[in-house]
Amino acid sequence: MSPQVEPVPVHPRHQLHDVLMHPVRFSIMAALAQTETDFQTLRDHLQVSDSVLSKQASALEASSLVKIRKGYMGKRPRTWIRTTPEGESAWSGHLAALSEIAESQPRGSTEAPNANSD
């Protein structure tokens, strides 16, 4: 009978959401965190151009992570962006994976000897 081998846990990087790996898309999701924000406010907050925000918000919408709503305030056209329930779930999972990566240690690792211990 062979000895039982303990299964190696899957590294948390595999839990990261690919769409959220882009810095602007990551920032959009962070800024929206359970709120609806208008396009201009979001653009100014993220310090990006209209075209960059539009392209990245559209990528998030294509992945069903945000909903883009267009309408008018008076006679002026406006665009609002909010996370979807799927987007909130993906965002939470992505942050949990990042946290787990930041806190993880290699299996069997030991503390390095102090180089200044003379």
PDB file of N, CA and C in Angstrom:
ATOM      1  N   MET A   1       0.841  -1.172   0.000  1.00  0.00           N
ATOM      2  CA  MET A   1       0.000   0.000   0.000  1.00  0.00           C
ATOM      3  C   MET A   1       0.893   1.245   0.000  1.00  0.00           C
ATOM      4  N   SER A   2       0.582   2.197  -0.865  1.00  0.00           N
ATOM      5  CA  SER A   2       1.399   3.404  -0.955  1.00  0.00           C
ATOM      6  C   SER A   2       0.945   4.427   0.081  1.00  0.00           C
ATOM      7  N   PRO A   3       1.891   5.257   0.544  1.00  0.00           N
ATOM      8  CA  PRO A   3       1.517   6.274   1.535  1.00  0.00           C
ATOM      9  C   PRO A   3       0.576   7.301   0.912  1.00  0.00           C
ATOM     10  N   GLN A   4      -0.330   7.806   1.744  1.00  0.00           N
ATOM     11  CA  GLN A   4      -1.264   8.814   1.249  1.00  0.00           C
ATOM     12  C   GLN A   4      -0.533  10.140   1.090  1.00  0.00           C
ATOM     13  N   VAL A   5      -0.758  10.748  -0.051  1.00  0.00           N
ATOM     14  CA  VAL A   5      -0.158  12.041  -0.341  1.00  0.00           C
ATOM     15  C   VAL A   5      -1.229  13.105  -0.134  1.00  0.00           C
ATOM     16  N   GLU A   6      -0.879  14.090   0.656  1.00  0.00           N
ATOM     17  CA  GLU A   6      -1.818  15.188   0.910  1.00  0.00           C
ATOM     18  C   GLU A   6      -1.958  16.015  -0.363  1.00  0.00           C
ATOM     19  N   PRO A   7      -3.195  16.299  -0.809  1.00  0.00           N
ATOM     20  CA  PRO A   7      -3.366  17.083  -2.038  1.00  0.00           C
ATOM     21  C   PRO A   7      -2.809  18.496  -1.857  1.00  0.00           C
ATOM     22  N   VAL A   8      -2.203  18.972  -2.910  1.00  0.00           N
ATOM     23  CA  VAL A   8      -1.645  20.327  -2.889  1.00  0.00           C
ATOM     24  C   VAL A   8      -2.792  21.302  -3.138  1.00  0.00           C
ATOM     25  N   PRO A   9      -2.965  22.289  -2.241  1.00  0.00           N
ATOM     26  CA  PRO A   9      -4.047  23.245  -2.459  1.00  0.00           C
ATOM     27  C   PRO A   9      -3.792  24.094  -3.710  1.00  0.00           C
ATOM     28  N   VAL A  10      -4.855  24.504  -4.351  1.00  0.00           N
ATOM     29  CA  VAL A  10      -4.764  25.337  -5.544  1.00  0.00           C
ATOM     30  C   VAL A  10      -4.351  26.745  -5.120  1.00  0.00           C
ATOM     31  N   HIS A  11      -3.388  27.310  -5.828  1.00  0.00           N
ATOM     32  CA  HIS A  11      -2.925  28.664  -5.502  1.00  0.00           C
ATOM     33  C   HIS A  11      -4.059  29.657  -5.727  1.00  0.00           C
ATOM     34  N   PRO A  12      -4.217  30.632  -4.833  1.00  0.00           N
ATOM     35  CA  PRO A  12      -5.335  31.576  -4.940  1.00  0.00           C
ATOM     36  C   PRO A  12      -5.334  32.424  -6.212  1.00  0.00           C
ATOM     37  N   ARG A  13      -4.208  32.512  -6.927  1.00  0.00           N
ATOM     38  CA  ARG A  13      -4.202  33.311  -8.160  1.00  0.00           C
ATOM     39  C   ARG A  13      -5.196  32.756  -9.177  1.00  0.00           C
ATOM     40  N   HIS A  14      -5.523  31.471  -9.051  1.00  0.00           N
ATOM     41  CA  HIS A  14      -6.478  30.864  -9.966  1.00  0.00           C
ATOM     42  C   HIS A  14      -7.906  31.353  -9.693  1.00  0.00           C
ATOM     43  N   GLN A  15      -8.104  32.030  -8.576  1.00  0.00           N
ATOM     44  CA  GLN A  15      -9.422  32.567  -8.230  1.00  0.00           C
ATOM     45  C   GLN A  15      -9.585  34.014  -8.683  1.00  0.00           C
ATOM     46  N   LEU A  16      -8.518  34.616  -9.215  1.00  0.00           N
ATOM     47  CA  LEU A  16      -8.608  35.996  -9.702  1.00  0.00           C
ATOM     48  C   LEU A  16      -9.485  36.045 -10.945  1.00  0.00           C
ATOM     49  N   HIS A  17     -10.234  37.120 -11.086  1.00  0.00           N
ATOM     50  CA  HIS A  17     -11.120  37.301 -12.236  1.00  0.00           C
ATOM     51  C   HIS A  17     -10.318  37.994 -13.336  1.00  0.00           C
ATOM     52  N   ASP A  18     -10.173  37.335 -14.477  1.00  0.00           N
ATOM     53  CA  ASP A  18      -9.335  37.853 -15.563  1.00  0.00           C
ATOM     54  C   ASP A  18      -9.710  39.272 -15.998  1.00  0.00           C
ATOM     55  N   VAL A  19     -10.993  39.561 -16.078  1.00  0.00           N
ATOM     56  CA  VAL A  19     -11.436  40.882 -16.538  1.00  0.00           C
ATOM     57  C   VAL A  19     -10.993  41.979 -15.570  1.00  0.00           C
ATOM     58  N   LEU A  20     -10.882  41.646 -14.291  1.00  0.00           N
ATOM     59  CA  LEU A  20     -10.525  42.648 -13.281  1.00  0.00           C
ATOM     60  C   LEU A  20      -9.019  42.850 -13.145  1.00  0.00           C
ATOM     61  N   MET A  21      -8.222  42.176 -13.961  1.00  0.00           N
ATOM     62  CA  MET A  21      -6.772  42.309 -13.870  1.00  0.00           C
ATOM     63  C   MET A  21      -6.272  43.618 -14.495  1.00  0.00           C
ATOM     64  N   HIS A  22      -7.067  44.251 -15.332  1.00  0.00           N
ATOM     65  CA  HIS A  22      -6.688  45.520 -15.952  1.00  0.00           C
ATOM     66  C   HIS A  22      -6.814  46.641 -14.910  1.00  0.00           C
ATOM     67  N   PRO A  23      -5.807  47.491 -14.767  1.00  0.00           N
ATOM     68  CA  PRO A  23      -5.829  48.520 -13.710  1.00  0.00           C
ATOM     69  C   PRO A  23      -7.041  49.454 -13.751  1.00  0.00           C
ATOM     70  N   VAL A  24      -7.477  49.869 -14.940  1.00  0.00           N
ATOM     71  CA  VAL A  24      -8.624  50.785 -15.006  1.00  0.00           C
ATOM     72  C   VAL A  24      -9.910  50.046 -14.661  1.00  0.00           C
ATOM     73  N   ARG A  25     -10.072  48.822 -15.141  1.00  0.00           N
ATOM     74  CA  ARG A  25     -11.278  48.057 -14.790  1.00  0.00           C
ATOM     75  C   ARG A  25     -11.318  47.756 -13.292  1.00  0.00           C
ATOM     76  N   PHE A  26     -10.160  47.431 -12.726  1.00  0.00           N
ATOM     77  CA  PHE A  26     -10.061  47.222 -11.278  1.00  0.00           C
ATOM     78  C   PHE A  26     -10.494  48.492 -10.537  1.00  0.00           C
ATOM     79  N   SER A  27     -10.002  49.632 -10.988  1.00  0.00           N
ATOM     80  CA  SER A  27     -10.325  50.917 -10.350  1.00  0.00           C
ATOM     81  C   SER A  27     -11.790  51.278 -10.498  1.00  0.00           C
ATOM     82  N   ILE A  28     -12.383  50.966 -11.637  1.00  0.00           N
ATOM     83  CA  ILE A  28     -13.812  51.220 -11.844  1.00  0.00           C
ATOM     84  C   ILE A  28     -14.626  50.430 -10.822  1.00  0.00           C
ATOM     85  N   MET A  29     -14.317  49.142 -10.691  1.00  0.00           N
ATOM     86  CA  MET A  29     -15.060  48.306  -9.751  1.00  0.00           C
ATOM     87  C   MET A  29     -14.884  48.792  -8.316  1.00  0.00           C
ATOM     88  N   ALA A  30     -13.684  49.215  -7.970  1.00  0.00           N
ATOM     89  CA  ALA A  30     -13.439  49.729  -6.616  1.00  0.00           C
ATOM     90  C   ALA A  30     -14.255  50.991  -6.371  1.00  0.00           C
ATOM     91  N   ALA A  31     -14.313  51.864  -7.356  1.00  0.00           N
ATOM     92  CA  ALA A  31     -15.040  53.124  -7.198  1.00  0.00           C
ATOM     93  C   ALA A  31     -16.551  52.908  -7.132  1.00  0.00           C
ATOM     94  N   LEU A  32     -17.034  51.903  -7.823  1.00  0.00           N
ATOM     95  CA  LEU A  32     -18.483  51.673  -7.867  1.00  0.00           C
ATOM     96  C   LEU A  32     -19.013  50.941  -6.648  1.00  0.00           C
ATOM     97  N   ALA A  33     -18.178  50.184  -5.972  1.00  0.00           N
ATOM     98  CA  ALA A  33     -18.545  49.368  -4.816  1.00  0.00           C
ATOM     99  C   ALA A  33     -19.945  49.663  -4.270  1.00  0.00           C
ATOM    100  N   GLN A  34     -20.930  48.964  -4.811  1.00  0.00           N
ATOM    101  CA  GLN A  34     -22.327  48.995  -4.370  1.00  0.00           C
ATOM    102  C   GLN A  34     -22.994  50.357  -4.504  1.00  0.00           C
ATOM    103  N   THR A  35     -22.596  51.118  -5.511  1.00  0.00           N
ATOM    104  CA  THR A  35     -23.249  52.395  -5.749  1.00  0.00           C
ATOM    105  C   THR A  35     -23.321  52.661  -7.243  1.00  0.00           C
ATOM    106  N   GLU A  36     -24.205  53.519  -7.650  1.00  0.00           N
ATOM    107  CA  GLU A  36     -24.277  53.954  -9.043  1.00  0.00           C
ATOM    108  C   GLU A  36     -23.604  55.313  -9.130  1.00  0.00           C
ATOM    109  N   THR A  37     -22.779  55.498 -10.140  1.00  0.00           N
ATOM    110  CA  THR A  37     -22.027  56.744 -10.298  1.00  0.00           C
ATOM    111  C   THR A  37     -22.170  57.220 -11.726  1.00  0.00           C
ATOM    112  N   ASP A  38     -22.232  58.541 -11.897  1.00  0.00           N
ATOM    113  CA  ASP A  38     -22.319  59.059 -13.255  1.00  0.00           C
ATOM    114  C   ASP A  38     -20.937  59.049 -13.913  1.00  0.00           C
ATOM    115  N   PHE A  39     -20.966  59.013 -15.228  1.00  0.00           N
ATOM    116  CA  PHE A  39     -19.758  58.871 -16.033  1.00  0.00           C
ATOM    117  C   PHE A  39     -18.738  59.963 -15.726  1.00  0.00           C
ATOM    118  N   GLN A  40     -19.172  61.220 -15.693  1.00  0.00           N
ATOM    119  CA  GLN A  40     -18.236  62.330 -15.460  1.00  0.00           C
ATOM    120  C   GLN A  40     -17.546  62.221 -14.105  1.00  0.00           C
ATOM    121  N   THR A  41     -18.299  61.919 -13.068  1.00  0.00           N
ATOM    122  CA  THR A  41     -17.731  61.792 -11.725  1.00  0.00           C
ATOM    123  C   THR A  41     -16.710  60.665 -11.684  1.00  0.00           C
ATOM    124  N   LEU A  42     -17.058  59.540 -12.289  1.00  0.00           N
ATOM    125  CA  LEU A  42     -16.161  58.392 -12.321  1.00  0.00           C
ATOM    126  C   LEU A  42     -14.896  58.716 -13.126  1.00  0.00           C
ATOM    127  N   ARG A  43     -15.065  59.344 -14.270  1.00  0.00           N
ATOM    128  CA  ARG A  43     -13.924  59.734 -15.113  1.00  0.00           C
ATOM    129  C   ARG A  43     -12.965  60.640 -14.352  1.00  0.00           C
ATOM    130  N   ASP A  44     -13.514  61.636 -13.683  1.00  0.00           N
ATOM    131  CA  ASP A  44     -12.675  62.579 -12.933  1.00  0.00           C
ATOM    132  C   ASP A  44     -11.991  61.897 -11.750  1.00  0.00           C
ATOM    133  N   HIS A  45     -12.713  61.032 -11.064  1.00  0.00           N
ATOM    134  CA  HIS A  45     -12.154  60.319  -9.914  1.00  0.00           C
ATOM    135  C   HIS A  45     -10.991  59.424 -10.330  1.00  0.00           C
ATOM    136  N   LEU A  46     -11.153  58.723 -11.463  1.00  0.00           N
ATOM    137  CA  LEU A  46     -10.131  57.793 -11.935  1.00  0.00           C
ATOM    138  C   LEU A  46      -9.015  58.479 -12.720  1.00  0.00           C
ATOM    139  N   GLN A  47      -9.237  59.736 -13.078  1.00  0.00           N
ATOM    140  CA  GLN A  47      -8.256  60.525 -13.839  1.00  0.00           C
ATOM    141  C   GLN A  47      -7.906  59.843 -15.164  1.00  0.00           C
ATOM    142  N   VAL A  48      -8.952  59.501 -15.916  1.00  0.00           N
ATOM    143  CA  VAL A  48      -8.779  58.910 -17.232  1.00  0.00           C
ATOM    144  C   VAL A  48      -9.586  59.715 -18.247  1.00  0.00           C
ATOM    145  N   SER A  49      -9.316  59.479 -19.512  1.00  0.00           N
ATOM    146  CA  SER A  49     -10.058  60.173 -20.568  1.00  0.00           C
ATOM    147  C   SER A  49     -11.427  59.526 -20.766  1.00  0.00           C
ATOM    148  N   ASP A  50     -12.300  60.246 -21.464  1.00  0.00           N
ATOM    149  CA  ASP A  50     -13.622  59.702 -21.791  1.00  0.00           C
ATOM    150  C   ASP A  50     -13.499  58.382 -22.536  1.00  0.00           C
ATOM    151  N   SER A  51     -12.596  58.343 -23.524  1.00  0.00           N
ATOM    152  CA  SER A  51     -12.479  57.137 -24.345  1.00  0.00           C
ATOM    153  C   SER A  51     -11.966  55.945 -23.538  1.00  0.00           C
ATOM    154  N   VAL A  52     -11.018  56.167 -22.639  1.00  0.00           N
ATOM    155  CA  VAL A  52     -10.498  55.065 -21.805  1.00  0.00           C
ATOM    156  C   VAL A  52     -11.602  54.535 -20.906  1.00  0.00           C
ATOM    157  N   LEU A  53     -12.327  55.432 -20.241  1.00  0.00           N
ATOM    158  CA  LEU A  53     -13.403  54.992 -19.353  1.00  0.00           C
ATOM    159  C   LEU A  53     -14.491  54.266 -20.139  1.00  0.00           C
ATOM    160  N   SER A  54     -14.857  54.806 -21.288  1.00  0.00           N
ATOM    161  CA  SER A  54     -15.893  54.192 -22.103  1.00  0.00           C
ATOM    162  C   SER A  54     -15.490  52.784 -22.535  1.00  0.00           C
ATOM    163  N   LYS A  55     -14.265  52.630 -23.004  1.00  0.00           N
ATOM    164  CA  LYS A  55     -13.789  51.323 -23.476  1.00  0.00           C
ATOM    165  C   LYS A  55     -13.752  50.303 -22.336  1.00  0.00           C
ATOM    166  N   GLN A  56     -13.229  50.706 -21.177  1.00  0.00           N
ATOM    167  CA  GLN A  56     -13.089  49.766 -20.060  1.00  0.00           C
ATOM    168  C   GLN A  56     -14.437  49.462 -19.414  1.00  0.00           C
ATOM    169  N   ALA A  57     -15.322  50.451 -19.333  1.00  0.00           N
ATOM    170  CA  ALA A  57     -16.665  50.206 -18.795  1.00  0.00           C
ATOM    171  C   ALA A  57     -17.432  49.269 -19.720  1.00  0.00           C
ATOM    172  N   SER A  58     -17.255  49.434 -21.022  1.00  0.00           N
ATOM    173  CA  SER A  58     -17.911  48.538 -21.983  1.00  0.00           C
ATOM    174  C   SER A  58     -17.401  47.111 -21.843  1.00  0.00           C
ATOM    175  N   ALA A  59     -16.106  46.945 -21.576  1.00  0.00           N
ATOM    176  CA  ALA A  59     -15.549  45.600 -21.362  1.00  0.00           C
ATOM    177  C   ALA A  59     -16.161  44.967 -20.116  1.00  0.00           C
ATOM    178  N   LEU A  60     -16.346  45.765 -19.063  1.00  0.00           N
ATOM    179  CA  LEU A  60     -16.981  45.254 -17.845  1.00  0.00           C
ATOM    180  C   LEU A  60     -18.441  44.901 -18.101  1.00  0.00           C
ATOM    181  N   GLU A  61     -19.121  45.718 -18.894  1.00  0.00           N
ATOM    182  CA  GLU A  61     -20.526  45.443 -19.207  1.00  0.00           C
ATOM    183  C   GLU A  61     -20.645  44.174 -20.061  1.00  0.00           C
ATOM    184  N   ALA A  62     -19.722  43.981 -20.997  1.00  0.00           N
ATOM    185  CA  ALA A  62     -19.744  42.782 -21.842  1.00  0.00           C
ATOM    186  C   ALA A  62     -19.557  41.516 -21.005  1.00  0.00           C
ATOM    187  N   SER A  63     -18.897  41.650 -19.863  1.00  0.00           N
ATOM    188  CA  SER A  63     -18.697  40.517 -18.950  1.00  0.00           C
ATOM    189  C   SER A  63     -19.785  40.449 -17.883  1.00  0.00           C
ATOM    190  N   SER A  64     -20.804  41.288 -18.012  1.00  0.00           N
ATOM    191  CA  SER A  64     -21.948  41.342 -17.083  1.00  0.00           C
ATOM    192  C   SER A  64     -21.551  41.761 -15.671  1.00  0.00           C
ATOM    193  N   LEU A  65     -20.447  42.496 -15.536  1.00  0.00           N
ATOM    194  CA  LEU A  65     -20.017  42.946 -14.214  1.00  0.00           C
ATOM    195  C   LEU A  65     -20.578  44.314 -13.847  1.00  0.00           C
ATOM    196  N   VAL A  66     -20.910  45.129 -14.851  1.00  0.00           N
ATOM    197  CA  VAL A  66     -21.545  46.420 -14.607  1.00  0.00           C
ATOM    198  C   VAL A  66     -22.707  46.593 -15.566  1.00  0.00           C
ATOM    199  N   LYS A  67     -23.579  47.513 -15.219  1.00  0.00           N
ATOM    200  CA  LYS A  67     -24.696  47.902 -16.073  1.00  0.00           C
ATOM    201  C   LYS A  67     -24.524  49.375 -16.389  1.00  0.00           C
ATOM    202  N   ILE A  68     -24.571  49.714 -17.658  1.00  0.00           N
ATOM    203  CA  ILE A  68     -24.464  51.111 -18.094  1.00  0.00           C
ATOM    204  C   ILE A  68     -25.865  51.567 -18.479  1.00  0.00           C
ATOM    205  N   ARG A  69     -26.272  52.689 -17.886  1.00  0.00           N
ATOM    206  CA  ARG A  69     -27.614  53.231 -18.142  1.00  0.00           C
ATOM    207  C   ARG A  69     -27.467  54.636 -18.709  1.00  0.00           C
ATOM    208  N   LYS A  70     -28.183  54.910 -19.780  1.00  0.00           N
ATOM    209  CA  LYS A  70     -28.145  56.236 -20.391  1.00  0.00           C
ATOM    210  C   LYS A  70     -29.497  56.900 -20.222  1.00  0.00           C
ATOM    211  N   GLY A  71     -29.453  58.207 -20.026  1.00  0.00           N
ATOM    212  CA  GLY A  71     -30.679  58.963 -19.857  1.00  0.00           C
ATOM    213  C   GLY A  71     -30.390  60.451 -19.971  1.00  0.00           C
ATOM    214  N   TYR A  72     -31.318  61.240 -19.497  1.00  0.00           N
ATOM    215  CA  TYR A  72     -31.177  62.693 -19.567  1.00  0.00           C
ATOM    216  C   TYR A  72     -31.414  63.314 -18.200  1.00  0.00           C
ATOM    217  N   MET A  73     -30.699  64.380 -17.935  1.00  0.00           N
ATOM    218  CA  MET A  73     -30.975  65.262 -16.799  1.00  0.00           C
ATOM    219  C   MET A  73     -31.317  66.593 -17.445  1.00  0.00           C
ATOM    220  N   GLY A  74     -32.594  66.894 -17.457  1.00  0.00           N
ATOM    221  CA  GLY A  74     -33.039  68.043 -18.239  1.00  0.00           C
ATOM    222  C   GLY A  74     -32.865  67.699 -19.705  1.00  0.00           C
ATOM    223  N   LYS A  75     -32.155  68.547 -20.417  1.00  0.00           N
ATOM    224  CA  LYS A  75     -31.910  68.286 -21.830  1.00  0.00           C
ATOM    225  C   LYS A  75     -30.528  67.700 -22.083  1.00  0.00           C
ATOM    226  N   ARG A  76     -29.772  67.470 -21.017  1.00  0.00           N
ATOM    227  CA  ARG A  76     -28.398  66.988 -21.167  1.00  0.00           C
ATOM    228  C   ARG A  76     -28.335  65.463 -21.036  1.00  0.00           C
ATOM    229  N   PRO A  77     -27.701  64.825 -22.015  1.00  0.00           N
ATOM    230  CA  PRO A  77     -27.552  63.366 -21.915  1.00  0.00           C
ATOM    231  C   PRO A  77     -26.579  63.003 -20.797  1.00  0.00           C
ATOM    232  N   ARG A  78     -26.870  61.925 -20.098  1.00  0.00           N
ATOM    233  CA  ARG A  78     -26.020  61.452 -18.999  1.00  0.00           C
ATOM    234  C   ARG A  78     -25.879  59.938 -19.090  1.00  0.00           C
ATOM    235  N   THR A  79     -24.781  59.449 -18.524  1.00  0.00           N
ATOM    236  CA  THR A  79     -24.529  58.013 -18.444  1.00  0.00           C
ATOM    237  C   THR A  79     -24.211  57.671 -17.004  1.00  0.00           C
ATOM    238  N   TRP A  80     -24.851  56.602 -16.500  1.00  0.00           N
ATOM    239  CA  TRP A  80     -24.599  56.114 -15.148  1.00  0.00           C
ATOM    240  C   TRP A  80     -24.091  54.683 -15.235  1.00  0.00           C
ATOM    241  N   ILE A  81     -23.234  54.342 -14.301  1.00  0.00           N
ATOM    242  CA  ILE A  81     -22.662  52.997 -14.271  1.00  0.00           C
ATOM    243  C   ILE A  81     -22.838  52.439 -12.861  1.00  0.00           C
ATOM    244  N   ARG A  82     -23.221  51.170 -12.775  1.00  0.00           N
ATOM    245  CA  ARG A  82     -23.342  50.503 -11.474  1.00  0.00           C
ATOM    246  C   ARG A  82     -22.916  49.051 -11.621  1.00  0.00           C
ATOM    247  N   THR A  83     -22.527  48.441 -10.518  1.00  0.00           N
ATOM    248  CA  THR A  83     -22.176  47.025 -10.549  1.00  0.00           C
ATOM    249  C   THR A  83     -23.446  46.194 -10.582  1.00  0.00           C
ATOM    250  N   THR A  84     -23.343  45.034 -11.161  1.00  0.00           N
ATOM    251  CA  THR A  84     -24.441  44.067 -11.159  1.00  0.00           C
ATOM    252  C   THR A  84     -24.214  43.117  -9.978  1.00  0.00           C
ATOM    253  N   PRO A  85     -25.208  42.332  -9.606  1.00  0.00           N
ATOM    254  CA  PRO A  85     -24.974  41.322  -8.553  1.00  0.00           C
ATOM    255  C   PRO A  85     -23.813  40.392  -8.921  1.00  0.00           C
ATOM    256  N   GLU A  86     -23.722  40.001 -10.196  1.00  0.00           N
ATOM    257  CA  GLU A  86     -22.609  39.163 -10.649  1.00  0.00           C
ATOM    258  C   GLU A  86     -21.283  39.911 -10.489  1.00  0.00           C
ATOM    259  N   GLY A  87     -21.301  41.213 -10.773  1.00  0.00           N
ATOM    260  CA  GLY A  87     -20.097  42.028 -10.624  1.00  0.00           C
ATOM    261  C   GLY A  87     -19.666  42.160  -9.178  1.00  0.00           C
ATOM    262  N   GLU A  88     -20.635  42.322  -8.284  1.00  0.00           N
ATOM    263  CA  GLU A  88     -20.310  42.421  -6.857  1.00  0.00           C
ATOM    264  C   GLU A  88     -19.698  41.117  -6.354  1.00  0.00           C
ATOM    265  N   SER A  89     -20.240  39.997  -6.830  1.00  0.00           N
ATOM    266  CA  SER A  89     -19.716  38.690  -6.441  1.00  0.00           C
ATOM    267  C   SER A  89     -18.292  38.503  -6.984  1.00  0.00           C
ATOM    268  N   ALA A  90     -18.084  38.864  -8.250  1.00  0.00           N
ATOM    269  CA  ALA A  90     -16.754  38.744  -8.855  1.00  0.00           C
ATOM    270  C   ALA A  90     -15.753  39.645  -8.134  1.00  0.00           C
ATOM    271  N   TRP A  91     -16.181  40.847  -7.787  1.00  0.00           N
ATOM    272  CA  TRP A  91     -15.317  41.796  -7.092  1.00  0.00           C
ATOM    273  C   TRP A  91     -14.917  41.251  -5.724  1.00  0.00           C
ATOM    274  N   SER A  92     -15.875  40.739  -4.976  1.00  0.00           N
ATOM    275  CA  SER A  92     -15.588  40.175  -3.650  1.00  0.00           C
ATOM    276  C   SER A  92     -14.620  39.004  -3.750  1.00  0.00           C
ATOM    277  N   GLY A  93     -14.857  38.134  -4.719  1.00  0.00           N
ATOM    278  CA  GLY A  93     -13.979  36.984  -4.908  1.00  0.00           C
ATOM    279  C   GLY A  93     -12.579  37.394  -5.323  1.00  0.00           C
ATOM    280  N   HIS A  94     -12.486  38.402  -6.173  1.00  0.00           N
ATOM    281  CA  HIS A  94     -11.187  38.899  -6.634  1.00  0.00           C
ATOM    282  C   HIS A  94     -10.401  39.483  -5.457  1.00  0.00           C
ATOM    283  N   LEU A  95     -11.060  40.287  -4.630  1.00  0.00           N
ATOM    284  CA  LEU A  95     -10.388  40.876  -3.466  1.00  0.00           C
ATOM    285  C   LEU A  95      -9.973  39.806  -2.466  1.00  0.00           C
ATOM    286  N   ALA A  96     -10.815  38.800  -2.269  1.00  0.00           N
ATOM    287  CA  ALA A  96     -10.475  37.710  -1.351  1.00  0.00           C
ATOM    288  C   ALA A  96      -9.243  36.962  -1.853  1.00  0.00           C
ATOM    289  N   ALA A  97      -9.171  36.728  -3.158  1.00  0.00           N
ATOM    290  CA  ALA A  97      -8.011  36.036  -3.728  1.00  0.00           C
ATOM    291  C   ALA A  97      -6.747  36.875  -3.569  1.00  0.00           C
ATOM    292  N   LEU A  98      -6.852  38.183  -3.817  1.00  0.00           N
ATOM    293  CA  LEU A  98      -5.690  39.061  -3.638  1.00  0.00           C
ATOM    294  C   LEU A  98      -5.216  39.045  -2.187  1.00  0.00           C
ATOM    295  N   SER A  99      -6.151  39.091  -1.272  1.00  0.00           N
ATOM    296  CA  SER A  99      -5.806  39.063   0.149  1.00  0.00           C
ATOM    297  C   SER A  99      -5.128  37.749   0.516  1.00  0.00           C
ATOM    298  N   GLU A 100      -5.661  36.662   0.000  1.00  0.00           N
ATOM    299  CA  GLU A 100      -5.083  35.348   0.291  1.00  0.00           C
ATOM    300  C   GLU A 100      -3.667  35.237  -0.284  1.00  0.00           C
ATOM    301  N   ILE A 101      -3.468  35.784  -1.473  1.00  0.00           N
ATOM    302  CA  ILE A 101      -2.128  35.774  -2.078  1.00  0.00           C
ATOM    303  C   ILE A 101      -1.165  36.583  -1.217  1.00  0.00           C
ATOM    304  N   ALA A 102      -1.606  37.761  -0.784  1.00  0.00           N
ATOM    305  CA  ALA A 102      -0.748  38.639   0.012  1.00  0.00           C
ATOM    306  C   ALA A 102      -0.375  38.017   1.356  1.00  0.00           C
ATOM    307  N   GLU A 103      -1.248  37.197   1.900  1.00  0.00           N
ATOM    308  CA  GLU A 103      -1.014  36.604   3.218  1.00  0.00           C
ATOM    309  C   GLU A 103      -0.420  35.201   3.167  1.00  0.00           C
ATOM    310  N   SER A 104      -0.319  34.620   1.975  1.00  0.00           N
ATOM    311  CA  SER A 104       0.121  33.223   1.892  1.00  0.00           C
ATOM    312  C   SER A 104       1.632  33.083   2.012  1.00  0.00           C
ATOM    313  N   GLN A 105       2.012  31.945   2.513  1.00  0.00           N
ATOM    314  CA  GLN A 105       3.424  31.566   2.636  1.00  0.00           C
ATOM    315  C   GLN A 105       3.600  30.263   1.881  1.00  0.00           C
ATOM    316  N   PRO A 106       4.753  30.070   1.265  1.00  0.00           N
ATOM    317  CA  PRO A 106       4.996  28.784   0.613  1.00  0.00           C
ATOM    318  C   PRO A 106       4.932  27.655   1.638  1.00  0.00           C
ATOM    319  N   ARG A 107       4.407  26.517   1.223  1.00  0.00           N
ATOM    320  CA  ARG A 107       4.328  25.352   2.123  1.00  0.00           C
ATOM    321  C   ARG A 107       5.726  24.920   2.520  1.00  0.00           C
ATOM    322  N   GLY A 108       5.906  24.651   3.775  1.00  0.00           N
ATOM    323  CA  GLY A 108       7.195  24.183   4.268  1.00  0.00           C
ATOM    324  C   GLY A 108       8.237  25.278   4.360  1.00  0.00           C
ATOM    325  N   SER A 109       7.815  26.545   4.210  1.00  0.00           N
ATOM    326  CA  SER A 109       8.797  27.622   4.275  1.00  0.00           C
ATOM    327  C   SER A 109       9.223  27.854   5.718  1.00  0.00           C
ATOM    328  N   THR A 110      10.431  28.286   5.865  1.00  0.00           N
ATOM    329  CA  THR A 110      10.951  28.637   7.181  1.00  0.00           C
ATOM    330  C   THR A 110      11.449  30.059   7.117  1.00  0.00           C
ATOM    331  N   GLU A 111      11.542  30.652   8.260  1.00  0.00           N
ATOM    332  CA  GLU A 111      12.004  32.028   8.314  1.00  0.00           C
ATOM    333  C   GLU A 111      13.483  32.070   7.936  1.00  0.00           C
ATOM    334  N   ALA A 112      13.838  33.040   7.115  1.00  0.00           N
ATOM    335  CA  ALA A 112      15.232  33.187   6.699  1.00  0.00           C
ATOM    336  C   ALA A 112      16.068  33.634   7.884  1.00  0.00           C
ATOM    337  N   PRO A 113      17.296  33.152   7.972  1.00  0.00           N
ATOM    338  CA  PRO A 113      18.163  33.586   9.065  1.00  0.00           C
ATOM    339  C   PRO A 113      18.442  35.080   8.937  1.00  0.00           C
ATOM    340  N   ASN A 114      18.584  35.726  10.054  1.00  0.00           N
ATOM    341  CA  ASN A 114      18.852  37.158  10.073  1.00  0.00           C
ATOM    342  C   ASN A 114      20.306  37.381   9.642  1.00  0.00           C
ATOM    343  N   ALA A 115      20.479  38.116   8.562  1.00  0.00           N
ATOM    344  CA  ALA A 115      21.819  38.361   8.008  1.00  0.00           C
ATOM    345  C   ALA A 115      22.671  39.230   8.940  1.00  0.00           C
ATOM    346  N   ASN A 116      22.022  39.985   9.832  1.00  0.00           N
ATOM    347  CA  ASN A 116      22.745  40.878  10.717  1.00  0.00           C
ATOM    348  C   ASN A 116      22.979  40.282  12.093  1.00  0.00           C
ATOM    349  N   SER A 117      22.865  38.977  12.247  1.00  0.00           N
ATOM    350  CA  SER A 117      23.021  38.364  13.574  1.00  0.00           C
ATOM    351  C   SER A 117      24.477  37.946  13.807  1.00  0.00           C
ATOM    352  N   ASP A 118      25.314  38.910  14.115  1.00  0.00           N
ATOM    353  CA  ASP A 118      26.741  38.631  14.394  1.00  0.00           C
ATOM    354  C   ASP A 118      26.981  38.550  15.870  1.00  0.00           C
TER     355      ASP A 118
END
